[in-house]
Amino acid sequence: MCLEKFCGKLCDMHRNSINCFFHLIAGIIIVYALWIHNVKLILVAILIAIIGHIIQAISSKKRKKKKR
């Protein structure tokens, strides 16, 4: 039951196409960074994922304001 809630929340967090794209790029970078053992690239990938979440938060706030 708890896993279903987690998966549902995870899907909602990545519903925005821009955020999903940023996470795809971050995923590719992090796999490569782990392959070559580069900590700087791992941090860059995490930063890209965080930027994706920030973009999604900004766009969802704009969407909520338009509905009012």
PDB file of N, CA and C in Angstrom:
ATOM      1  N   MET A   1       0.824  -1.187   0.000  1.00  0.00           N
ATOM      2  CA  MET A   1       0.000   0.000   0.000  1.00  0.00           C
ATOM      3  C   MET A   1       0.874   1.259   0.000  1.00  0.00           C
ATOM      4  N   CYS A   2       1.888   1.262   0.825  1.00  0.00           N
ATOM      5  CA  CYS A   2       2.772   2.420   0.914  1.00  0.00           C
ATOM      6  C   CYS A   2       3.543   2.600  -0.393  1.00  0.00           C
ATOM      7  N   LEU A   3       3.908   1.512  -1.047  1.00  0.00           N
ATOM      8  CA  LEU A   3       4.639   1.580  -2.305  1.00  0.00           C
ATOM      9  C   LEU A   3       3.776   2.202  -3.399  1.00  0.00           C
ATOM     10  N   GLU A   4       2.468   1.919  -3.397  1.00  0.00           N
ATOM     11  CA  GLU A   4       1.567   2.498  -4.387  1.00  0.00           C
ATOM     12  C   GLU A   4       1.476   4.013  -4.224  1.00  0.00           C
ATOM     13  N   LYS A   5       1.420   4.484  -2.991  1.00  0.00           N
ATOM     14  CA  LYS A   5       1.373   5.929  -2.749  1.00  0.00           C
ATOM     15  C   LYS A   5       2.664   6.584  -3.197  1.00  0.00           C
ATOM     16  N   PHE A   6       3.781   5.919  -2.918  1.00  0.00           N
ATOM     17  CA  PHE A   6       5.081   6.454  -3.312  1.00  0.00           C
ATOM     18  C   PHE A   6       5.183   6.539  -4.829  1.00  0.00           C
ATOM     19  N   CYS A   7       4.780   5.493  -5.531  1.00  0.00           N
ATOM     20  CA  CYS A   7       4.851   5.489  -6.998  1.00  0.00           C
ATOM     21  C   CYS A   7       3.914   6.529  -7.598  1.00  0.00           C
ATOM     22  N   GLY A   8       2.735   6.695  -7.003  1.00  0.00           N
ATOM     23  CA  GLY A   8       1.808   7.712  -7.485  1.00  0.00           C
ATOM     24  C   GLY A   8       2.365   9.112  -7.307  1.00  0.00           C
ATOM     25  N   LYS A   9       2.971   9.363  -6.165  1.00  0.00           N
ATOM     26  CA  LYS A   9       3.564  10.669  -5.908  1.00  0.00           C
ATOM     27  C   LYS A   9       4.759  10.900  -6.835  1.00  0.00           C
ATOM     28  N   LEU A  10       5.537   9.869  -7.075  1.00  0.00           N
ATOM     29  CA  LEU A  10       6.688   9.975  -7.958  1.00  0.00           C
ATOM     30  C   LEU A  10       6.251  10.292  -9.385  1.00  0.00           C
ATOM     31  N   CYS A  11       5.184   9.667  -9.840  1.00  0.00           N
ATOM     32  CA  CYS A  11       4.663   9.951 -11.185  1.00  0.00           C
ATOM     33  C   CYS A  11       4.127  11.369 -11.278  1.00  0.00           C
ATOM     34  N   ASP A  12       3.479  11.855 -10.239  1.00  0.00           N
ATOM     35  CA  ASP A  12       2.975  13.229 -10.237  1.00  0.00           C
ATOM     36  C   ASP A  12       4.111  14.238 -10.263  1.00  0.00           C
ATOM     37  N   MET A  13       5.215  13.919  -9.591  1.00  0.00           N
ATOM     38  CA  MET A  13       6.346  14.833  -9.545  1.00  0.00           C
ATOM     39  C   MET A  13       7.024  14.968 -10.906  1.00  0.00           C
ATOM     40  N   HIS A  14       6.893  13.969 -11.771  1.00  0.00           N
ATOM     41  CA  HIS A  14       7.577  13.983 -13.065  1.00  0.00           C
ATOM     42  C   HIS A  14       6.588  14.081 -14.221  1.00  0.00           C
ATOM     43  N   ARG A  15       5.415  14.655 -13.970  1.00  0.00           N
ATOM     44  CA  ARG A  15       4.401  14.787 -15.011  1.00  0.00           C
ATOM     45  C   ARG A  15       4.773  15.866 -16.029  1.00  0.00           C
ATOM     46  N   ASN A  16       5.479  16.889 -15.593  1.00  0.00           N
ATOM     47  CA  ASN A  16       5.897  17.970 -16.475  1.00  0.00           C
ATOM     48  C   ASN A  16       6.945  17.435 -17.454  1.00  0.00           C
ATOM     49  N   SER A  17       6.749  17.712 -18.740  1.00  0.00           N
ATOM     50  CA  SER A  17       7.653  17.156 -19.754  1.00  0.00           C
ATOM     51  C   SER A  17       9.069  17.738 -19.650  1.00  0.00           C
ATOM     52  N   ILE A  18       9.180  18.996 -19.264  1.00  0.00           N
ATOM     53  CA  ILE A  18      10.512  19.600 -19.121  1.00  0.00           C
ATOM     54  C   ILE A  18      11.257  18.947 -17.958  1.00  0.00           C
ATOM     55  N   ASN A  19      10.557  18.739 -16.849  1.00  0.00           N
ATOM     56  CA  ASN A  19      11.176  18.086 -15.697  1.00  0.00           C
ATOM     57  C   ASN A  19      11.582  16.654 -16.051  1.00  0.00           C
ATOM     58  N   CYS A  20      10.732  15.970 -16.769  1.00  0.00           N
ATOM     59  CA  CYS A  20      11.056  14.595 -17.179  1.00  0.00           C
ATOM     60  C   CYS A  20      12.297  14.580 -18.083  1.00  0.00           C
ATOM     61  N   PHE A  21      12.384  15.548 -19.003  1.00  0.00           N
ATOM     62  CA  PHE A  21      13.552  15.645 -19.882  1.00  0.00           C
ATOM     63  C   PHE A  21      14.828  15.915 -19.093  1.00  0.00           C
ATOM     64  N   PHE A  22      14.749  16.848 -18.133  1.00  0.00           N
ATOM     65  CA  PHE A  22      15.914  17.149 -17.299  1.00  0.00           C
ATOM     66  C   PHE A  22      16.346  15.908 -16.510  1.00  0.00           C
ATOM     67  N   HIS A  23      15.382  15.130 -16.027  1.00  0.00           N
ATOM     68  CA  HIS A  23      15.734  13.925 -15.287  1.00  0.00           C
ATOM     69  C   HIS A  23      16.324  12.853 -16.202  1.00  0.00           C
ATOM     70  N   LEU A  24      15.870  12.797 -17.439  1.00  0.00           N
ATOM     71  CA  LEU A  24      16.456  11.864 -18.395  1.00  0.00           C
ATOM     72  C   LEU A  24      17.921  12.211 -18.644  1.00  0.00           C
ATOM     73  N   ILE A  25      18.195  13.487 -18.879  1.00  0.00           N
ATOM     74  CA  ILE A  25      19.579  13.931 -19.087  1.00  0.00           C
ATOM     75  C   ILE A  25      20.418  13.671 -17.835  1.00  0.00           C
ATOM     76  N   ALA A  26      19.843  13.991 -16.659  1.00  0.00           N
ATOM     77  CA  ALA A  26      20.572  13.769 -15.401  1.00  0.00           C
ATOM     78  C   ALA A  26      20.863  12.283 -15.200  1.00  0.00           C
ATOM     79  N   GLY A  27      19.916  11.441 -15.567  1.00  0.00           N
ATOM     80  CA  GLY A  27      20.122   9.999 -15.434  1.00  0.00           C
ATOM     81  C   GLY A  27      21.256   9.500 -16.311  1.00  0.00           C
ATOM     82  N   ILE A  28      21.307  10.004 -17.537  1.00  0.00           N
ATOM     83  CA  ILE A  28      22.386   9.611 -18.449  1.00  0.00           C
ATOM     84  C   ILE A  28      23.735  10.082 -17.909  1.00  0.00           C
ATOM     85  N   ILE A  29      23.775  11.307 -17.433  1.00  0.00           N
ATOM     86  CA  ILE A  29      25.032  11.854 -16.896  1.00  0.00           C
ATOM     87  C   ILE A  29      25.472  11.087 -15.657  1.00  0.00           C
ATOM     88  N   ILE A  30      24.529  10.755 -14.787  1.00  0.00           N
ATOM     89  CA  ILE A  30      24.920  10.072 -13.545  1.00  0.00           C
ATOM     90  C   ILE A  30      25.409   8.648 -13.822  1.00  0.00           C
ATOM     91  N   VAL A  31      24.816   7.981 -14.803  1.00  0.00           N
ATOM     92  CA  VAL A  31      25.304   6.639 -15.152  1.00  0.00           C
ATOM     93  C   VAL A  31      26.727   6.733 -15.690  1.00  0.00           C
ATOM     94  N   TYR A  32      26.960   7.704 -16.567  1.00  0.00           N
ATOM     95  CA  TYR A  32      28.308   7.885 -17.107  1.00  0.00           C
ATOM     96  C   TYR A  32      29.297   8.271 -16.004  1.00  0.00           C
ATOM     97  N   ALA A  33      28.854   9.165 -15.100  1.00  0.00           N
ATOM     98  CA  ALA A  33      29.739   9.609 -14.016  1.00  0.00           C
ATOM     99  C   ALA A  33      30.087   8.458 -13.080  1.00  0.00           C
ATOM    100  N   LEU A  34      29.121   7.611 -12.808  1.00  0.00           N
ATOM    101  CA  LEU A  34      29.416   6.440 -11.975  1.00  0.00           C
ATOM    102  C   LEU A  34      30.347   5.472 -12.692  1.00  0.00           C
ATOM    103  N   TRP A  35      30.204   5.388 -14.013  1.00  0.00           N
ATOM    104  CA  TRP A  35      31.051   4.493 -14.802  1.00  0.00           C
ATOM    105  C   TRP A  35      32.513   4.927 -14.738  1.00  0.00           C
ATOM    106  N   ILE A  36      32.749   6.263 -14.812  1.00  0.00           N
ATOM    107  CA  ILE A  36      34.134   6.741 -14.817  1.00  0.00           C
ATOM    108  C   ILE A  36      34.582   7.248 -13.440  1.00  0.00           C
ATOM    109  N   HIS A  37      33.720   7.095 -12.437  1.00  0.00           N
ATOM    110  CA  HIS A  37      34.038   7.481 -11.050  1.00  0.00           C
ATOM    111  C   HIS A  37      34.399   8.963 -10.931  1.00  0.00           C
ATOM    112  N   ASN A  38      33.503   9.812 -11.440  1.00  0.00           N
ATOM    113  CA  ASN A  38      33.742  11.252 -11.414  1.00  0.00           C
ATOM    114  C   ASN A  38      32.693  11.919 -10.519  1.00  0.00           C
ATOM    115  N   VAL A  39      33.129  12.419  -9.377  1.00  0.00           N
ATOM    116  CA  VAL A  39      32.222  13.017  -8.397  1.00  0.00           C
ATOM    117  C   VAL A  39      31.637  14.334  -8.909  1.00  0.00           C
ATOM    118  N   LYS A  40      32.420  15.100  -9.655  1.00  0.00           N
ATOM    119  CA  LYS A  40      31.925  16.379 -10.176  1.00  0.00           C
ATOM    120  C   LYS A  40      30.751  16.176 -11.119  1.00  0.00           C
ATOM    121  N   LEU A  41      30.826  15.172 -11.962  1.00  0.00           N
ATOM    122  CA  LEU A  41      29.723  14.894 -12.869  1.00  0.00           C
ATOM    123  C   LEU A  41      28.481  14.400 -12.118  1.00  0.00           C
ATOM    124  N   ILE A  42      28.674  13.669 -11.051  1.00  0.00           N
ATOM    125  CA  ILE A  42      27.541  13.225 -10.233  1.00  0.00           C
ATOM    126  C   ILE A  42      26.836  14.442  -9.648  1.00  0.00           C
ATOM    127  N   LEU A  43      27.593  15.407  -9.160  1.00  0.00           N
ATOM    128  CA  LEU A  43      27.002  16.624  -8.617  1.00  0.00           C
ATOM    129  C   LEU A  43      26.290  17.441  -9.699  1.00  0.00           C
ATOM    130  N   VAL A  44      26.849  17.465 -10.903  1.00  0.00           N
ATOM    131  CA  VAL A  44      26.201  18.156 -12.014  1.00  0.00           C
ATOM    132  C   VAL A  44      24.862  17.487 -12.333  1.00  0.00           C
ATOM    133  N   ALA A  45      24.830  16.170 -12.332  1.00  0.00           N
ATOM    134  CA  ALA A  45      23.589  15.453 -12.610  1.00  0.00           C
ATOM    135  C   ALA A  45      22.536  15.736 -11.543  1.00  0.00           C
ATOM    136  N   ILE A  46      22.946  15.780 -10.298  1.00  0.00           N
ATOM    137  CA  ILE A  46      22.005  16.099  -9.221  1.00  0.00           C
ATOM    138  C   ILE A  46      21.497  17.525  -9.384  1.00  0.00           C
ATOM    139  N   LEU A  47      22.370  18.447  -9.754  1.00  0.00           N
ATOM    140  CA  LEU A  47      21.968  19.833  -9.969  1.00  0.00           C
ATOM    141  C   LEU A  47      20.960  19.942 -11.116  1.00  0.00           C
ATOM    142  N   ILE A  48      21.171  19.207 -12.176  1.00  0.00           N
ATOM    143  CA  ILE A  48      20.239  19.219 -13.307  1.00  0.00           C
ATOM    144  C   ILE A  48      18.868  18.697 -12.869  1.00  0.00           C
ATOM    145  N   ALA A  49      18.844  17.650 -12.061  1.00  0.00           N
ATOM    146  CA  ALA A  49      17.573  17.107 -11.573  1.00  0.00           C
ATOM    147  C   ALA A  49      16.857  18.120 -10.681  1.00  0.00           C
ATOM    148  N   ILE A  50      17.598  18.823  -9.854  1.00  0.00           N
ATOM    149  CA  ILE A  50      17.002  19.840  -8.976  1.00  0.00           C
ATOM    150  C   ILE A  50      16.450  20.991  -9.807  1.00  0.00           C
ATOM    151  N   ILE A  51      17.157  21.397 -10.841  1.00  0.00           N
ATOM    152  CA  ILE A  51      16.667  22.449 -11.727  1.00  0.00           C
ATOM    153  C   ILE A  51      15.350  22.024 -12.376  1.00  0.00           C
ATOM    154  N   GLY A  52      15.252  20.761 -12.751  1.00  0.00           N
ATOM    155  CA  GLY A  52      13.998  20.252 -13.312  1.00  0.00           C
ATOM    156  C   GLY A  52      12.845  20.384 -12.337  1.00  0.00           C
ATOM    157  N   HIS A  53      13.092  20.077 -11.066  1.00  0.00           N
ATOM    158  CA  HIS A  53      12.037  20.209 -10.058  1.00  0.00           C
ATOM    159  C   HIS A  53      11.662  21.671  -9.820  1.00  0.00           C
ATOM    160  N   ILE A  54      12.633  22.556  -9.884  1.00  0.00           N
ATOM    161  CA  ILE A  54      12.348  23.982  -9.716  1.00  0.00           C
ATOM    162  C   ILE A  54      11.491  24.487 -10.874  1.00  0.00           C
ATOM    163  N   ILE A  55      11.809  24.081 -12.079  1.00  0.00           N
ATOM    164  CA  ILE A  55      11.015  24.478 -13.238  1.00  0.00           C
ATOM    165  C   ILE A  55       9.585  23.969 -13.110  1.00  0.00           C
ATOM    166  N   GLN A  56       9.430  22.746 -12.659  1.00  0.00           N
ATOM    167  CA  GLN A  56       8.088  22.195 -12.489  1.00  0.00           C
ATOM    168  C   GLN A  56       7.315  22.962 -11.416  1.00  0.00           C
ATOM    169  N   ALA A  57       7.959  23.320 -10.331  1.00  0.00           N
ATOM    170  CA  ALA A  57       7.289  24.060  -9.265  1.00  0.00           C
ATOM    171  C   ALA A  57       6.840  25.432  -9.762  1.00  0.00           C
ATOM    172  N   ILE A  58       7.675  26.091 -10.524  1.00  0.00           N
ATOM    173  CA  ILE A  58       7.316  27.409 -11.058  1.00  0.00           C
ATOM    174  C   ILE A  58       6.147  27.292 -12.033  1.00  0.00           C
ATOM    175  N   SER A  59       6.199  26.306 -12.909  1.00  0.00           N
ATOM    176  CA  SER A  59       5.114  26.163 -13.893  1.00  0.00           C
ATOM    177  C   SER A  59       3.799  25.743 -13.237  1.00  0.00           C
ATOM    178  N   SER A  60       3.860  24.939 -12.183  1.00  0.00           N
ATOM    179  CA  SER A  60       2.616  24.546 -11.518  1.00  0.00           C
ATOM    180  C   SER A  60       2.016  25.713 -10.744  1.00  0.00           C
ATOM    181  N   LYS A  61       2.854  26.605 -10.203  1.00  0.00           N
ATOM    182  CA  LYS A  61       2.337  27.803  -9.536  1.00  0.00           C
ATOM    183  C   LYS A  61       1.656  28.724 -10.539  1.00  0.00           C
ATOM    184  N   LYS A  62       2.243  28.866 -11.728  1.00  0.00           N
ATOM    185  CA  LYS A  62       1.632  29.697 -12.766  1.00  0.00           C
ATOM    186  C   LYS A  62       0.297  29.106 -13.203  1.00  0.00           C
ATOM    187  N   ARG A  63       0.232  27.791 -13.313  1.00  0.00           N
ATOM    188  CA  ARG A  63      -0.994  27.121 -13.724  1.00  0.00           C
ATOM    189  C   ARG A  63      -2.102  27.307 -12.697  1.00  0.00           C
ATOM    190  N   LYS A  64      -1.737  27.267 -11.410  1.00  0.00           N
ATOM    191  CA  LYS A  64      -2.713  27.462 -10.351  1.00  0.00           C
ATOM    192  C   LYS A  64      -3.242  28.890 -10.352  1.00  0.00           C
ATOM    193  N   LYS A  65      -2.383  29.868 -10.650  1.00  0.00           N
ATOM    194  CA  LYS A  65      -2.817  31.260 -10.698  1.00  0.00           C
ATOM    195  C   LYS A  65      -3.764  31.506 -11.860  1.00  0.00           C
ATOM    196  N   LYS A  66      -3.552  30.828 -13.000  1.00  0.00           N
ATOM    197  CA  LYS A  66      -4.422  30.990 -14.150  1.00  0.00           C
ATOM    198  C   LYS A  66      -5.813  30.438 -13.878  1.00  0.00           C
ATOM    199  N   LYS A  67      -5.920  29.393 -13.071  1.00  0.00           N
ATOM    200  CA  LYS A  67      -7.225  28.792 -12.781  1.00  0.00           C
ATOM    201  C   LYS A  67      -8.098  29.709 -11.935  1.00  0.00           C
ATOM    202  N   ARG A  68      -7.494  30.565 -11.160  1.00  0.00           N
ATOM    203  CA  ARG A  68      -8.270  31.465 -10.278  1.00  0.00           C
ATOM    204  C   ARG A  68      -8.929  32.528 -11.032  1.00  0.00           C
TER     205      ARG A  68
END
